[in-house]
PDB file of N, CA and C in Angstrom:
ATOM      1  N   MET A   1     231.581  65.396  84.319  1.00  0.00           N
ATOM      2  CA  MET A   1     231.127  64.231  85.057  1.00  0.00           C
ATOM      3  C   MET A   1     231.711  62.944  84.461  1.00  0.00           C
ATOM      4  N   LEU A   2     231.775  62.863  83.140  1.00  0.00           N
ATOM      5  CA  LEU A   2     232.317  61.672  82.496  1.00  0.00           C
ATOM      6  C   LEU A   2     233.803  61.517  82.809  1.00  0.00           C
ATOM      7  N   ASN A   3     234.529  62.636  82.858  1.00  0.00           N
ATOM      8  CA  ASN A   3     235.956  62.572  83.202  1.00  0.00           C
ATOM      9  C   ASN A   3     236.158  62.037  84.612  1.00  0.00           C
ATOM     10  N   GLU A   4     235.305  62.447  85.535  1.00  0.00           N
ATOM     11  CA  GLU A   4     235.399  61.965  86.911  1.00  0.00           C
ATOM     12  C   GLU A   4     235.112  60.464  86.973  1.00  0.00           C
ATOM     13  N   ARG A   5     234.158  60.014  86.181  1.00  0.00           N
ATOM     14  CA  ARG A   5     233.836  58.580  86.153  1.00  0.00           C
ATOM     15  C   ARG A   5     234.988  57.767  85.572  1.00  0.00           C
ATOM     16  N   ARG A   6     235.581  58.294  84.495  1.00  0.00           N
ATOM     17  CA  ARG A   6     236.728  57.592  83.901  1.00  0.00           C
ATOM     18  C   ARG A   6     237.879  57.552  84.903  1.00  0.00           C
ATOM     19  N   LEU A   7     238.123  58.656  85.585  1.00  0.00           N
ATOM     20  CA  LEU A   7     239.172  58.702  86.601  1.00  0.00           C
ATOM     21  C   LEU A   7     238.877  57.692  87.718  1.00  0.00           C
ATOM     22  N   ALA A   8     237.612  57.591  88.111  1.00  0.00           N
ATOM     23  CA  ALA A   8     237.229  56.632  89.149  1.00  0.00           C
ATOM     24  C   ALA A   8     237.542  55.204  88.703  1.00  0.00           C
ATOM     25  N   VAL A   9     237.187  54.890  87.461  1.00  0.00           N
ATOM     26  CA  VAL A   9     237.452  53.548  86.920  1.00  0.00           C
ATOM     27  C   VAL A   9     238.953  53.275  86.897  1.00  0.00           C
ATOM     28  N   GLU A  10     239.724  54.225  86.422  1.00  0.00           N
ATOM     29  CA  GLU A  10     241.176  54.051  86.333  1.00  0.00           C
ATOM     30  C   GLU A  10     241.821  53.940  87.710  1.00  0.00           C
ATOM     31  N   THR A  11     241.329  54.730  88.669  1.00  0.00           N
ATOM     32  CA  THR A  11     241.888  54.702  90.024  1.00  0.00           C
ATOM     33  C   THR A  11     241.610  53.366  90.703  1.00  0.00           C
ATOM     34  N   VAL A  12     240.383  52.879  90.556  1.00  0.00           N
ATOM     35  CA  VAL A  12     240.033  51.584  91.159  1.00  0.00           C
ATOM     36  C   VAL A  12     240.837  50.467  90.494  1.00  0.00           C
ATOM     37  N   ALA A  13     240.955  50.506  89.173  1.00  0.00           N
ATOM     38  CA  ALA A  13     241.726  49.472  88.468  1.00  0.00           C
ATOM     39  C   ALA A  13     243.189  49.492  88.918  1.00  0.00           C
ATOM     40  N   ALA A  14     243.751  50.680  89.070  1.00  0.00           N
ATOM     41  CA  ALA A  14     245.148  50.803  89.488  1.00  0.00           C
ATOM     42  C   ALA A  14     245.364  50.248  90.893  1.00  0.00           C
ATOM     43  N   ALA A  15     244.362  50.352  91.744  1.00  0.00           N
ATOM     44  CA  ALA A  15     244.460  49.805  93.097  1.00  0.00           C
ATOM     45  C   ALA A  15     244.130  48.314  93.123  1.00  0.00           C
ATOM     46  N   PHE A  16     243.206  47.890  92.270  1.00  0.00           N
ATOM     47  CA  PHE A  16     242.720  46.517  92.305  1.00  0.00           C
ATOM     48  C   PHE A  16     243.706  45.527  91.693  1.00  0.00           C
ATOM     49  N   LEU A  17     244.272  45.850  90.548  1.00  0.00           N
ATOM     50  CA  LEU A  17     245.138  44.891  89.851  1.00  0.00           C
ATOM     51  C   LEU A  17     246.327  44.433  90.683  1.00  0.00           C
ATOM     52  N   PRO A  18     247.031  45.329  91.393  1.00  0.00           N
ATOM     53  CA  PRO A  18     248.113  44.838  92.252  1.00  0.00           C
ATOM     54  C   PRO A  18     247.614  43.926  93.372  1.00  0.00           C
ATOM     55  N   THR A  19     246.418  44.191  93.863  1.00  0.00           N
ATOM     56  CA  THR A  19     245.832  43.338  94.896  1.00  0.00           C
ATOM     57  C   THR A  19     245.583  41.936  94.343  1.00  0.00           C
ATOM     58  N   GLU A  20     245.045  41.896  93.138  1.00  0.00           N
ATOM     59  CA  GLU A  20     244.772  40.629  92.470  1.00  0.00           C
ATOM     60  C   GLU A  20     246.074  39.850  92.228  1.00  0.00           C
ATOM     61  N   HIS A  21     247.086  40.541  91.764  1.00  0.00           N
ATOM     62  CA  HIS A  21     248.367  39.888  91.504  1.00  0.00           C
ATOM     63  C   HIS A  21     249.023  39.413  92.805  1.00  0.00           C
ATOM     64  N   ALA A  22     248.891  40.192  93.861  1.00  0.00           N
ATOM     65  CA  ALA A  22     249.458  39.799  95.159  1.00  0.00           C
ATOM     66  C   ALA A  22     248.784  38.530  95.674  1.00  0.00           C
ATOM     67  N   ALA A  23     247.475  38.437  95.501  1.00  0.00           N
ATOM     68  CA  ALA A  23     246.759  37.230  95.933  1.00  0.00           C
ATOM     69  C   ALA A  23     247.244  36.014  95.150  1.00  0.00           C
ATOM     70  N   GLU A  24     247.458  36.216  93.864  1.00  0.00           N
ATOM     71  CA  GLU A  24     247.967  35.130  93.009  1.00  0.00           C
ATOM     72  C   GLU A  24     249.343  34.684  93.497  1.00  0.00           C
ATOM     73  N   GLN A  25     250.219  35.637  93.744  1.00  0.00           N
ATOM     74  CA  GLN A  25     251.564  35.321  94.195  1.00  0.00           C
ATOM     75  C   GLN A  25     251.566  34.664  95.573  1.00  0.00           C
ATOM     76  N   THR A  26     250.702  35.121  96.454  1.00  0.00           N
ATOM     77  CA  THR A  26     250.617  34.526  97.791  1.00  0.00           C
ATOM     78  C   THR A  26     250.227  33.055  97.692  1.00  0.00           C
ATOM     79  N   ALA A  27     249.266  32.744  96.841  1.00  0.00           N
ATOM     80  CA  ALA A  27     248.858  31.348  96.666  1.00  0.00           C
ATOM     81  C   ALA A  27     250.000  30.515  96.088  1.00  0.00           C
ATOM     82  N   ILE A  28     250.696  31.053  95.111  1.00  0.00           N
ATOM     83  CA  ILE A  28     251.826  30.340  94.497  1.00  0.00           C
ATOM     84  C   ILE A  28     252.924  30.090  95.526  1.00  0.00           C
ATOM     85  N   LEU A  29     253.287  31.138  96.252  1.00  0.00           N
ATOM     86  CA  LEU A  29     254.359  31.004  97.236  1.00  0.00           C
ATOM     87  C   LEU A  29     253.981  30.052  98.368  1.00  0.00           C
ATOM     88  N   GLY A  30     252.724  30.086  98.784  1.00  0.00           N
ATOM     89  CA  GLY A  30     252.267  29.163  99.824  1.00  0.00           C
ATOM     90  C   GLY A  30     252.382  27.712  99.375  1.00  0.00           C
ATOM     91  N   ALA A  31     251.973  27.457  98.131  1.00  0.00           N
ATOM     92  CA  ALA A  31     252.061  26.097  97.595  1.00  0.00           C
ATOM     93  C   ALA A  31     253.515  25.640  97.505  1.00  0.00           C
ATOM     94  N   ARG A  32     254.391  26.542  97.075  1.00  0.00           N
ATOM     95  CA  ARG A  32     255.819  26.197  97.002  1.00  0.00           C
ATOM     96  C   ARG A  32     256.388  25.917  98.392  1.00  0.00           C
ATOM     97  N   CYS A  33     255.954  26.696  99.369  1.00  0.00           N
ATOM     98  CA  CYS A  33     256.435  26.506 100.734  1.00  0.00           C
ATOM     99  C   CYS A  33     256.004  25.142 101.271  1.00  0.00           C
ATOM    100  N   ILE A  34     254.761  24.778 101.019  1.00  0.00           N
ATOM    101  CA  ILE A  34     254.267  23.467 101.460  1.00  0.00           C
ATOM    102  C   ILE A  34     255.105  22.357 100.835  1.00  0.00           C
ATOM    103  N   ALA A  35     255.351  22.467  99.532  1.00  0.00           N
ATOM    104  CA  ALA A  35     256.163  21.451  98.855  1.00  0.00           C
ATOM    105  C   ALA A  35     257.569  21.387  99.446  1.00  0.00           C
ATOM    106  N   ALA A  36     258.166  22.547  99.699  1.00  0.00           N
ATOM    107  CA  ALA A  36     259.521  22.579 100.268  1.00  0.00           C
ATOM    108  C   ALA A  36     259.546  21.955 101.653  1.00  0.00           C
ATOM    109  N   MET A  37     258.526  22.230 102.450  1.00  0.00           N
ATOM    110  CA  MET A  37     258.473  21.667 103.803  1.00  0.00           C
ATOM    111  C   MET A  37     258.450  20.139 103.747  1.00  0.00           C
ATOM    112  N   ILE A  38     257.642  19.593 102.852  1.00  0.00           N
ATOM    113  CA  ILE A  38     257.550  18.135 102.726  1.00  0.00           C
ATOM    114  C   ILE A  38     258.856  17.563 102.181  1.00  0.00           C
ATOM    115  N   GLU A  39     259.350  18.166 101.105  1.00  0.00           N
ATOM    116  CA  GLU A  39     260.574  17.658 100.474  1.00  0.00           C
ATOM    117  C   GLU A  39     261.759  17.699 101.437  1.00  0.00           C
ATOM    118  N   GLN A  40     261.886  18.764 102.186  1.00  0.00           N
ATOM    119  CA  GLN A  40     263.026  18.894 103.086  1.00  0.00           C
ATOM    120  C   GLN A  40     262.906  17.989 104.311  1.00  0.00           C
ATOM    121  N   ARG A  41     261.690  17.732 104.762  1.00  0.00           N
ATOM    122  CA  ARG A  41     261.519  16.773 105.855  1.00  0.00           C
ATOM    123  C   ARG A  41     261.965  15.394 105.405  1.00  0.00           C
ATOM    124  N   VAL A  42     261.562  15.035 104.176  1.00  0.00           N
ATOM    125  CA  VAL A  42     261.954  13.736 103.625  1.00  0.00           C
ATOM    126  C   VAL A  42     263.474  13.680 103.419  1.00  0.00           C
ATOM    127  N   ALA A  43     264.030  14.738 102.814  1.00  0.00           N
ATOM    128  CA  ALA A  43     265.473  14.768 102.530  1.00  0.00           C
ATOM    129  C   ALA A  43     266.311  14.679 103.804  1.00  0.00           C
ATOM    130  N   ALA A  44     265.801  15.238 104.880  1.00  0.00           N
ATOM    131  CA  ALA A  44     266.534  15.204 106.151  1.00  0.00           C
ATOM    132  C   ALA A  44     266.281  13.920 106.924  1.00  0.00           C
ATOM    133  N   GLY A  45     265.389  13.070 106.413  1.00  0.00           N
ATOM    134  CA  GLY A  45     265.096  11.801 107.082  1.00  0.00           C
ATOM    135  C   GLY A  45     264.383  11.984 108.407  1.00  0.00           C
ATOM    136  N   LEU A  46     263.574  13.014 108.502  1.00  0.00           N
ATOM    137  CA  LEU A  46     262.874  13.301 109.755  1.00  0.00           C
ATOM    138  C   LEU A  46     261.550  12.539 109.829  1.00  0.00           C
ATOM    139  N   PRO A  47     261.053  12.303 111.030  1.00  0.00           N
ATOM    140  CA  PRO A  47     259.769  11.614 111.184  1.00  0.00           C
ATOM    141  C   PRO A  47     258.628  12.410 110.548  1.00  0.00           C
ATOM    142  N   LEU A  48     257.574  11.695 110.180  1.00  0.00           N
ATOM    143  CA  LEU A  48     256.420  12.311 109.521  1.00  0.00           C
ATOM    144  C   LEU A  48     255.806  13.466 110.313  1.00  0.00           C
ATOM    145  N   ASP A  49     255.842  13.370 111.631  1.00  0.00           N
ATOM    146  CA  ASP A  49     255.173  14.396 112.443  1.00  0.00           C
ATOM    147  C   ASP A  49     256.055  15.608 112.747  1.00  0.00           C
ATOM    148  N   THR A  50     257.279  15.633 112.229  1.00  0.00           N
ATOM    149  CA  THR A  50     258.157  16.780 112.461  1.00  0.00           C
ATOM    150  C   THR A  50     257.566  18.033 111.803  1.00  0.00           C
ATOM    151  N   GLY A  51     257.383  19.049 112.593  1.00  0.00           N
ATOM    152  CA  GLY A  51     256.853  20.311 112.074  1.00  0.00           C
ATOM    153  C   GLY A  51     255.389  20.259 111.694  1.00  0.00           C
ATOM    154  N   ALA A  52     254.667  19.269 112.225  1.00  0.00           N
ATOM    155  CA  ALA A  52     253.274  19.073 111.827  1.00  0.00           C
ATOM    156  C   ALA A  52     252.402  20.303 112.107  1.00  0.00           C
ATOM    157  N   GLU A  53     252.596  20.940 113.249  1.00  0.00           N
ATOM    158  CA  GLU A  53     251.776  22.115 113.572  1.00  0.00           C
ATOM    159  C   GLU A  53     252.073  23.267 112.616  1.00  0.00           C
ATOM    160  N   ALA A  54     253.340  23.492 112.329  1.00  0.00           N
ATOM    161  CA  ALA A  54     253.715  24.552 111.383  1.00  0.00           C
ATOM    162  C   ALA A  54     253.189  24.226 109.988  1.00  0.00           C
ATOM    163  N   PHE A  55     253.312  22.959 109.593  1.00  0.00           N
ATOM    164  CA  PHE A  55     252.807  22.532 108.289  1.00  0.00           C
ATOM    165  C   PHE A  55     251.306  22.795 108.182  1.00  0.00           C
ATOM    166  N   ALA A  56     250.580  22.470 109.240  1.00  0.00           N
ATOM    167  CA  ALA A  56     249.130  22.694 109.238  1.00  0.00           C
ATOM    168  C   ALA A  56     248.804  24.184 109.115  1.00  0.00           C
ATOM    169  N   LEU A  57     249.563  25.024 109.788  1.00  0.00           N
ATOM    170  CA  LEU A  57     249.320  26.466 109.719  1.00  0.00           C
ATOM    171  C   LEU A  57     249.623  27.027 108.328  1.00  0.00           C
ATOM    172  N   VAL A  58     250.728  26.588 107.737  1.00  0.00           N
ATOM    173  CA  VAL A  58     251.064  27.059 106.387  1.00  0.00           C
ATOM    174  C   VAL A  58     250.021  26.555 105.383  1.00  0.00           C
ATOM    175  N   THR A  59     249.582  25.313 105.558  1.00  0.00           N
ATOM    176  CA  THR A  59     248.537  24.774 104.685  1.00  0.00           C
ATOM    177  C   THR A  59     247.252  25.571 104.822  1.00  0.00           C
ATOM    178  N   ASP A  60     246.875  25.884 106.047  1.00  0.00           N
ATOM    179  CA  ASP A  60     245.667  26.677 106.294  1.00  0.00           C
ATOM    180  C   ASP A  60     245.796  28.071 105.680  1.00  0.00           C
ATOM    181  N   ALA A  61     246.934  28.699 105.869  1.00  0.00           N
ATOM    182  CA  ALA A  61     247.158  30.038 105.306  1.00  0.00           C
ATOM    183  C   ALA A  61     247.098  30.001 103.778  1.00  0.00           C
ATOM    184  N   THR A  62     247.650  28.958 103.184  1.00  0.00           N
ATOM    185  CA  THR A  62     247.620  28.830 101.724  1.00  0.00           C
ATOM    186  C   THR A  62     246.194  28.605 101.234  1.00  0.00           C
ATOM    187  N   PHE A  63     245.428  27.816 101.971  1.00  0.00           N
ATOM    188  CA  PHE A  63     244.012  27.618 101.630  1.00  0.00           C
ATOM    189  C   PHE A  63     243.278  28.955 101.646  1.00  0.00           C
ATOM    190  N   HIS A  64     243.528  29.764 102.666  1.00  0.00           N
ATOM    191  CA  HIS A  64     242.883  31.079 102.743  1.00  0.00           C
ATOM    192  C   HIS A  64     243.355  31.995 101.614  1.00  0.00           C
ATOM    193  N   ALA A  65     244.617  31.871 101.227  1.00  0.00           N
ATOM    194  CA  ALA A  65     245.121  32.658 100.101  1.00  0.00           C
ATOM    195  C   ALA A  65     244.408  32.268  98.808  1.00  0.00           C
ATOM    196  N   LEU A  66     244.157  30.979  98.645  1.00  0.00           N
ATOM    197  CA  LEU A  66     243.423  30.513  97.461  1.00  0.00           C
ATOM    198  C   LEU A  66     241.976  31.008  97.479  1.00  0.00           C
ATOM    199  N   LYS A  67     241.365  31.038  98.655  1.00  0.00           N
ATOM    200  CA  LYS A  67     240.006  31.574  98.762  1.00  0.00           C
ATOM    201  C   LYS A  67     239.979  33.072  98.467  1.00  0.00           C
ATOM    202  N   ALA A  68     240.998  33.798  98.945  1.00  0.00           N
ATOM    203  CA  ALA A  68     241.091  35.233  98.662  1.00  0.00           C
ATOM    204  C   ALA A  68     241.261  35.459  97.164  1.00  0.00           C
ATOM    205  N   ARG A  69     242.089  34.652  96.545  1.00  0.00           N
ATOM    206  CA  ARG A  69     242.295  34.744  95.093  1.00  0.00           C
ATOM    207  C   ARG A  69     240.985  34.530  94.352  1.00  0.00           C
ATOM    208  N   ALA A  70     240.226  33.526  94.751  1.00  0.00           N
ATOM    209  CA  ALA A  70     238.941  33.249  94.100  1.00  0.00           C
ATOM    210  C   ALA A  70     237.961  34.415  94.292  1.00  0.00           C
ATOM    211  N   ALA A  71     237.949  34.994  95.479  1.00  0.00           N
ATOM    212  CA  ALA A  71     237.061  36.134  95.734  1.00  0.00           C
ATOM    213  C   ALA A  71     237.447  37.321  94.860  1.00  0.00           C
ATOM    214  N   LEU A  72     238.743  37.550  94.691  1.00  0.00           N
ATOM    215  CA  LEU A  72     239.186  38.657  93.856  1.00  0.00           C
ATOM    216  C   LEU A  72     238.878  38.413  92.386  1.00  0.00           C
ATOM    217  N   ILE A  73     238.952  37.179  91.949  1.00  0.00           N
ATOM    218  CA  ILE A  73     238.567  36.850  90.572  1.00  0.00           C
ATOM    219  C   ILE A  73     237.085  37.179  90.371  1.00  0.00           C
ATOM    220  N   ASN A  74     236.251  36.800  91.329  1.00  0.00           N
ATOM    221  CA  ASN A  74     234.819  37.116  91.237  1.00  0.00           C
ATOM    222  C   ASN A  74     234.588  38.619  91.261  1.00  0.00           C
ATOM    223  N   ALA A  75     235.317  39.322  92.123  1.00  0.00           N
ATOM    224  CA  ALA A  75     235.187  40.777  92.185  1.00  0.00           C
ATOM    225  C   ALA A  75     235.619  41.404  90.868  1.00  0.00           C
ATOM    226  N   HIS A  76     236.660  40.877  90.267  1.00  0.00           N
ATOM    227  CA  HIS A  76     237.142  41.393  88.979  1.00  0.00           C
ATOM    228  C   HIS A  76     236.040  41.307  87.927  1.00  0.00           C
ATOM    229  N   GLN A  77     235.382  40.175  87.887  1.00  0.00           N
ATOM    230  CA  GLN A  77     234.316  39.991  86.907  1.00  0.00           C
ATOM    231  C   GLN A  77     233.170  40.979  87.149  1.00  0.00           C
ATOM    232  N   LEU A  78     232.857  41.232  88.402  1.00  0.00           N
ATOM    233  CA  LEU A  78     231.814  42.210  88.722  1.00  0.00           C
ATOM    234  C   LEU A  78     232.268  43.631  88.389  1.00  0.00           C
ATOM    235  N   LEU A  79     233.505  43.948  88.740  1.00  0.00           N
ATOM    236  CA  LEU A  79     234.024  45.289  88.449  1.00  0.00           C
ATOM    237  C   LEU A  79     234.094  45.553  86.946  1.00  0.00           C
ATOM    238  N   ALA A  80     234.337  44.519  86.172  1.00  0.00           N
ATOM    239  CA  ALA A  80     234.451  44.685  84.718  1.00  0.00           C
ATOM    240  C   ALA A  80     233.159  45.188  84.085  1.00  0.00           C
ATOM    241  N   THR A  81     232.030  44.982  84.751  1.00  0.00           N
ATOM    242  CA  THR A  81     230.746  45.421  84.196  1.00  0.00           C
ATOM    243  C   THR A  81     230.417  46.870  84.536  1.00  0.00           C
ATOM    244  N   ILE A  82     231.118  47.435  85.491  1.00  0.00           N
ATOM    245  CA  ILE A  82     230.771  48.773  85.972  1.00  0.00           C
ATOM    246  C   ILE A  82     231.054  49.881  84.958  1.00  0.00           C
ATOM    247  N   PRO A  83     232.216  49.912  84.289  1.00  0.00           N
ATOM    248  CA  PRO A  83     232.452  51.031  83.372  1.00  0.00           C
ATOM    249  C   PRO A  83     231.315  51.264  82.380  1.00  0.00           C
ATOM    250  N   ALA A  84     230.862  50.219  81.721  1.00  0.00           N
ATOM    251  CA  ALA A  84     229.769  50.385  80.751  1.00  0.00           C
ATOM    252  C   ALA A  84     228.493  50.866  81.433  1.00  0.00           C
ATOM    253  N   SER A  85     228.266  50.429  82.660  1.00  0.00           N
ATOM    254  CA  SER A  85     227.032  50.818  83.355  1.00  0.00           C
ATOM    255  C   SER A  85     227.042  52.275  83.808  1.00  0.00           C
ATOM    256  N   ILE A  86     228.236  52.903  83.835  1.00  0.00           N
ATOM    257  CA  ILE A  86     228.306  54.311  84.240  1.00  0.00           C
ATOM    258  C   ILE A  86     228.697  55.210  83.074  1.00  0.00           C
ATOM    259  N   GLY A  87     228.575  54.674  81.855  1.00  0.00           N
ATOM    260  CA  GLY A  87     228.768  55.488  80.672  1.00  0.00           C
ATOM    261  C   GLY A  87     230.169  55.521  80.100  1.00  0.00           C
ATOM    262  N   ILE A  88     231.049  54.680  80.598  1.00  0.00           N
ATOM    263  CA  ILE A  88     232.400  54.598  80.044  1.00  0.00           C
ATOM    264  C   ILE A  88     232.353  53.529  78.954  1.00  0.00           C
ATOM    265  N   LYS A  89     232.430  53.960  77.709  1.00  0.00           N
ATOM    266  CA  LYS A  89     232.209  53.044  76.584  1.00  0.00           C
ATOM    267  C   LYS A  89     233.387  52.123  76.307  1.00  0.00           C
ATOM    268  N   SER A  90     234.602  52.618  76.451  1.00  0.00           N
ATOM    269  CA  SER A  90     235.749  51.744  76.201  1.00  0.00           C
ATOM    270  C   SER A  90     236.711  51.880  77.358  1.00  0.00           C
ATOM    271  N   TYR A  91     237.043  50.762  77.917  1.00  0.00           N
ATOM    272  CA  TYR A  91     238.012  50.735  78.998  1.00  0.00           C
ATOM    273  C   TYR A  91     238.737  49.423  78.944  1.00  0.00           C
ATOM    274  N   GLY A  92     240.004  49.469  79.246  1.00  0.00           N
ATOM    275  CA  GLY A  92     240.812  48.252  79.286  1.00  0.00           C
ATOM    276  C   GLY A  92     242.042  48.433  78.441  1.00  0.00           C
ATOM    277  N   GLY A  93     243.108  47.867  78.907  1.00  0.00           N
ATOM    278  CA  GLY A  93     244.365  47.917  78.175  1.00  0.00           C
ATOM    279  C   GLY A  93     244.878  46.514  77.994  1.00  0.00           C
ATOM    280  N   ASP A  94     246.168  46.405  77.778  1.00  0.00           N
ATOM    281  CA  ASP A  94     246.761  45.078  77.590  1.00  0.00           C
ATOM    282  C   ASP A  94     246.572  44.205  78.826  1.00  0.00           C
ATOM    283  N   GLU A  95     246.627  44.835  80.001  1.00  0.00           N
ATOM    284  CA  GLU A  95     246.532  44.083  81.251  1.00  0.00           C
ATOM    285  C   GLU A  95     245.116  43.580  81.503  1.00  0.00           C
ATOM    286  N   CYS A  96     244.128  44.331  81.066  1.00  0.00           N
ATOM    287  CA  CYS A  96     242.760  43.996  81.449  1.00  0.00           C
ATOM    288  C   CYS A  96     241.778  44.350  80.342  1.00  0.00           C
ATOM    289  N   PRO A  97     241.695  43.552  79.300  1.00  0.00           N
ATOM    290  CA  PRO A  97     240.702  43.828  78.265  1.00  0.00           C
ATOM    291  C   PRO A  97     239.291  43.763  78.843  1.00  0.00           C
ATOM    292  N   PRO A  98     238.362  44.511  78.294  1.00  0.00           N
ATOM    293  CA  PRO A  98     236.996  44.495  78.823  1.00  0.00           C
ATOM    294  C   PRO A  98     236.405  43.087  78.878  1.00  0.00           C
ATOM    295  N   ASN A  99     235.743  42.809  79.973  1.00  0.00           N
ATOM    296  CA  ASN A  99     234.992  41.562  80.168  1.00  0.00           C
ATOM    297  C   ASN A  99     235.836  40.294  80.145  1.00  0.00           C
ATOM    298  N   GLU A 100     237.154  40.415  80.284  1.00  0.00           N
ATOM    299  CA  GLU A 100     237.986  39.209  80.331  1.00  0.00           C
ATOM    300  C   GLU A 100     238.198  38.820  81.781  1.00  0.00           C
ATOM    301  N   PRO A 101     237.825  37.619  82.157  1.00  0.00           N
ATOM    302  CA  PRO A 101     238.087  37.200  83.536  1.00  0.00           C
ATOM    303  C   PRO A 101     239.586  37.101  83.773  1.00  0.00           C
ATOM    304  N   PHE A 102     239.950  37.020  85.013  1.00  0.00           N
ATOM    305  CA  PHE A 102     241.353  37.018  85.411  1.00  0.00           C
ATOM    306  C   PHE A 102     241.967  35.657  85.139  1.00  0.00           C
ATOM    307  N   THR A 103     242.090  35.342  83.830  1.00  0.00           N
ATOM    308  CA  THR A 103     242.682  34.057  83.471  1.00  0.00           C
ATOM    309  C   THR A 103     244.036  34.230  82.832  1.00  0.00           C
ATOM    310  N   SER A 104     244.274  35.336  82.144  1.00  0.00           N
ATOM    311  CA  SER A 104     245.548  35.486  81.450  1.00  0.00           C
ATOM    312  C   SER A 104     246.691  35.543  82.434  1.00  0.00           C
ATOM    313  N   ALA A 105     246.528  36.262  83.551  1.00  0.00           N
ATOM    314  CA  ALA A 105     247.606  36.339  84.537  1.00  0.00           C
ATOM    315  C   ALA A 105     247.811  34.998  85.221  1.00  0.00           C
ATOM    316  N   VAL A 106     246.729  34.243  85.415  1.00  0.00           N
ATOM    317  CA  VAL A 106     246.846  32.915  86.013  1.00  0.00           C
ATOM    318  C   VAL A 106     247.679  32.019  85.099  1.00  0.00           C
ATOM    319  N   LEU A 107     247.377  32.063  83.809  1.00  0.00           N
ATOM    320  CA  LEU A 107     248.121  31.243  82.865  1.00  0.00           C
ATOM    321  C   LEU A 107     249.577  31.675  82.793  1.00  0.00           C
ATOM    322  N   LYS A 108     249.839  32.992  82.850  1.00  0.00           N
ATOM    323  CA  LYS A 108     251.219  33.486  82.832  1.00  0.00           C
ATOM    324  C   LYS A 108     251.999  32.964  84.025  1.00  0.00           C
ATOM    325  N   SER A 109     251.358  32.968  85.200  1.00  0.00           N
ATOM    326  CA  SER A 109     252.075  32.567  86.408  1.00  0.00           C
ATOM    327  C   SER A 109     252.313  31.053  86.444  1.00  0.00           C
ATOM    328  N   VAL A 110     251.446  30.303  85.810  1.00  0.00           N
ATOM    329  CA  VAL A 110     251.607  28.852  85.789  1.00  0.00           C
ATOM    330  C   VAL A 110     252.671  28.449  84.769  1.00  0.00           C
ATOM    331  N   ALA A 111     252.759  29.205  83.684  1.00  0.00           N
ATOM    332  CA  ALA A 111     253.702  28.869  82.599  1.00  0.00           C
ATOM    333  C   ALA A 111     255.138  29.053  82.990  1.00  0.00           C
TER     334      ALA A 111
END
């Protein structure tokens, strides 16, 4: 039974971490896209309202990506408590030490 629980923890972590990283990357890429849209409109000497609808949609999508990222950070913190509650005494590797919120990857991506 303990082996099945450990496998469950490892399987969920293996599925969850890429999801968390994808959300982080989506937010980063969305922010870069917004900056590029503004910079290129200015560089091309276009009127302020050029591409306004597309800009609004990309901004909205990036906002939702940031909300998804925040939800996954909260889920990570909740998931981190489960191994101990189901009898898994030690869990976590370099990528995800026990009880560490998802801050190290955020700092890596910003650096």
